[in-house]
Amino acid sequence: MVKYQASAIDRTFSALADPTRRHLLLRLRDEPGLSVSELARPLALKLPGMMKHRDVLSVAGLNTRAKSGRTVSVTLSAGPMQEAMAWLQRYERFWTVSLDRLVAFVEEDGE
């Protein structure tokens, strides 16, 4: 088996591929510094499952944690998403052209 070392952008896209992790990032955007328990509560995640998701986000650099006593709080780190957006923008012209064609078709059809 070949050992593969994932790049930072691979870890970012891998972390963002999961809907639960995307939901966690949205919560952290809106409510920075939530405790792990608070972050897990609306999803009905048990602590071990929550920690696995948090660890994936952490390895991707998408969150940071701070411990105060027994409480671990989590904060969003959006930096890695900037690299992912820069990569995606290289392909923007492909979907822009398609959207322009769709608009032209709809406008033409409506006349």
Protein backbone atom coordinates (compact mmCIF):
# COMPACT_ATOMS: atom_id res chain seq x y z
CA MET A 1 0.00 0.00 0.00
CA VAL A 2 1.28 3.45 -0.92
CA LYS A 3 1.53 5.92 1.92
CA TYR A 4 0.01 9.24 0.96
CA GLN A 5 0.71 12.49 2.77
CA ALA A 6 -2.27 14.78 2.28
CA SER A 7 -1.53 18.42 1.52
CA ALA A 8 -3.16 21.24 3.45
CA ILE A 9 -5.71 21.87 0.71
CA ASP A 10 -6.56 18.14 0.58
CA ARG A 11 -7.20 18.17 4.33
CA THR A 12 -9.38 21.28 3.95
CA PHE A 13 -11.55 19.79 1.20
CA SER A 14 -11.76 16.47 3.06
CA ALA A 15 -12.94 18.22 6.22
CA LEU A 16 -15.46 20.32 4.27
CA ALA A 17 -16.85 17.24 2.49
CA ASP A 18 -18.80 16.18 5.57
CA PRO A 19 -22.15 17.94 6.21
CA THR A 20 -21.81 17.65 9.99
CA ARG A 21 -18.45 19.39 9.92
CA ARG A 22 -19.80 22.12 7.63
CA HIS A 23 -22.63 22.64 10.14
CA LEU A 24 -20.11 22.90 12.97
CA LEU A 25 -18.14 25.54 11.05
CA LEU A 26 -21.32 27.56 10.46
CA ARG A 27 -22.08 27.45 14.18
CA LEU A 28 -18.54 28.56 15.00
CA ARG A 29 -18.85 31.42 12.53
CA ASP A 30 -21.99 32.64 14.26
CA GLU A 31 -21.05 31.70 17.84
CA PRO A 32 -17.27 31.76 18.33
CA GLY A 33 -15.81 30.15 21.42
CA LEU A 34 -18.49 27.53 22.02
CA SER A 35 -17.60 24.68 24.31
CA VAL A 36 -17.37 21.24 22.73
CA SER A 37 -20.55 20.23 24.58
CA GLU A 38 -22.45 23.29 23.35
CA LEU A 39 -21.26 22.66 19.82
CA ALA A 40 -22.44 19.03 19.92
CA ARG A 41 -25.81 19.63 21.60
CA PRO A 42 -28.05 20.60 18.60
CA LEU A 43 -26.69 17.70 16.57
CA ALA A 44 -27.32 15.15 19.32
CA LEU A 45 -23.72 14.00 18.95
CA LYS A 46 -22.12 12.10 21.76
CA LEU A 47 -18.80 13.49 22.94
CA PRO A 48 -16.58 10.86 21.19
CA GLY A 49 -18.26 11.53 17.83
CA MET A 50 -18.01 15.27 18.33
CA MET A 51 -14.33 14.99 19.19
CA LYS A 52 -13.64 13.02 16.00
CA HIS A 53 -15.25 15.75 13.90
CA ARG A 54 -13.43 18.46 15.85
CA ASP A 55 -10.13 16.64 15.38
CA VAL A 56 -10.63 16.42 11.59
CA LEU A 57 -11.37 20.16 11.51
CA SER A 58 -8.36 20.82 13.70
CA VAL A 59 -5.98 18.75 11.54
CA ALA A 60 -7.25 20.77 8.54
CA GLY A 61 -6.51 23.96 10.48
CA LEU A 62 -10.17 25.00 10.41
CA ASN A 63 -10.56 25.41 14.16
CA THR A 64 -8.54 26.08 17.26
CA ARG A 65 -9.23 25.04 20.80
CA ALA A 66 -8.58 26.62 24.14
CA LYS A 67 -8.87 24.88 27.47
CA SER A 68 -9.96 26.62 30.64
CA GLY A 69 -10.17 24.19 33.53
CA ARG A 70 -12.28 21.28 32.29
CA THR A 71 -13.95 23.27 29.51
CA VAL A 72 -12.61 23.16 25.96
CA SER A 73 -13.84 25.96 23.72
CA VAL A 74 -13.56 25.92 19.94
CA THR A 75 -13.05 28.84 17.56
CA LEU A 76 -13.23 28.99 13.76
CA SER A 77 -10.00 29.45 11.80
CA ALA A 78 -11.03 30.32 8.26
CA GLY A 79 -7.50 30.70 6.83
CA PRO A 80 -7.35 27.31 5.10
CA MET A 81 -10.62 28.10 3.33
CA GLN A 82 -8.90 31.04 1.61
CA GLU A 83 -6.50 28.65 -0.12
CA ALA A 84 -9.42 26.44 -1.14
CA MET A 85 -11.30 29.46 -2.53
CA ALA A 86 -8.24 30.57 -4.48
CA TRP A 87 -8.02 27.09 -6.01
CA LEU A 88 -11.73 27.10 -6.90
CA GLN A 89 -11.52 30.57 -8.45
CA ARG A 90 -9.19 29.21 -11.13
CA TYR A 91 -12.25 27.36 -12.48
CA GLU A 92 -14.76 30.16 -12.02
CA ARG A 93 -14.74 31.04 -15.70
CA PHE A 94 -16.20 27.61 -16.52
CA TRP A 95 -19.33 28.05 -14.43
CA THR A 96 -19.59 31.77 -15.26
CA VAL A 97 -19.81 30.94 -18.96
CA SER A 98 -22.49 28.33 -18.24
CA LEU A 99 -24.51 30.77 -16.14
CA ASP A 100 -24.22 33.44 -18.83
CA ARG A 101 -25.55 30.96 -21.40
CA LEU A 102 -28.42 30.02 -19.09
CA VAL A 103 -29.37 33.68 -18.58
CA ALA A 104 -29.26 34.29 -22.33
CA PHE A 105 -31.43 31.22 -22.95
CA VAL A 106 -34.01 32.25 -20.34
CA GLU A 107 -34.14 35.82 -21.63
CA GLU A 108 -34.45 34.61 -25.23
CA ASP A 109 -37.16 32.09 -24.31
CA GLY A 110 -39.14 34.76 -22.46
CA GLU A 111 -39.44 37.04 -25.50
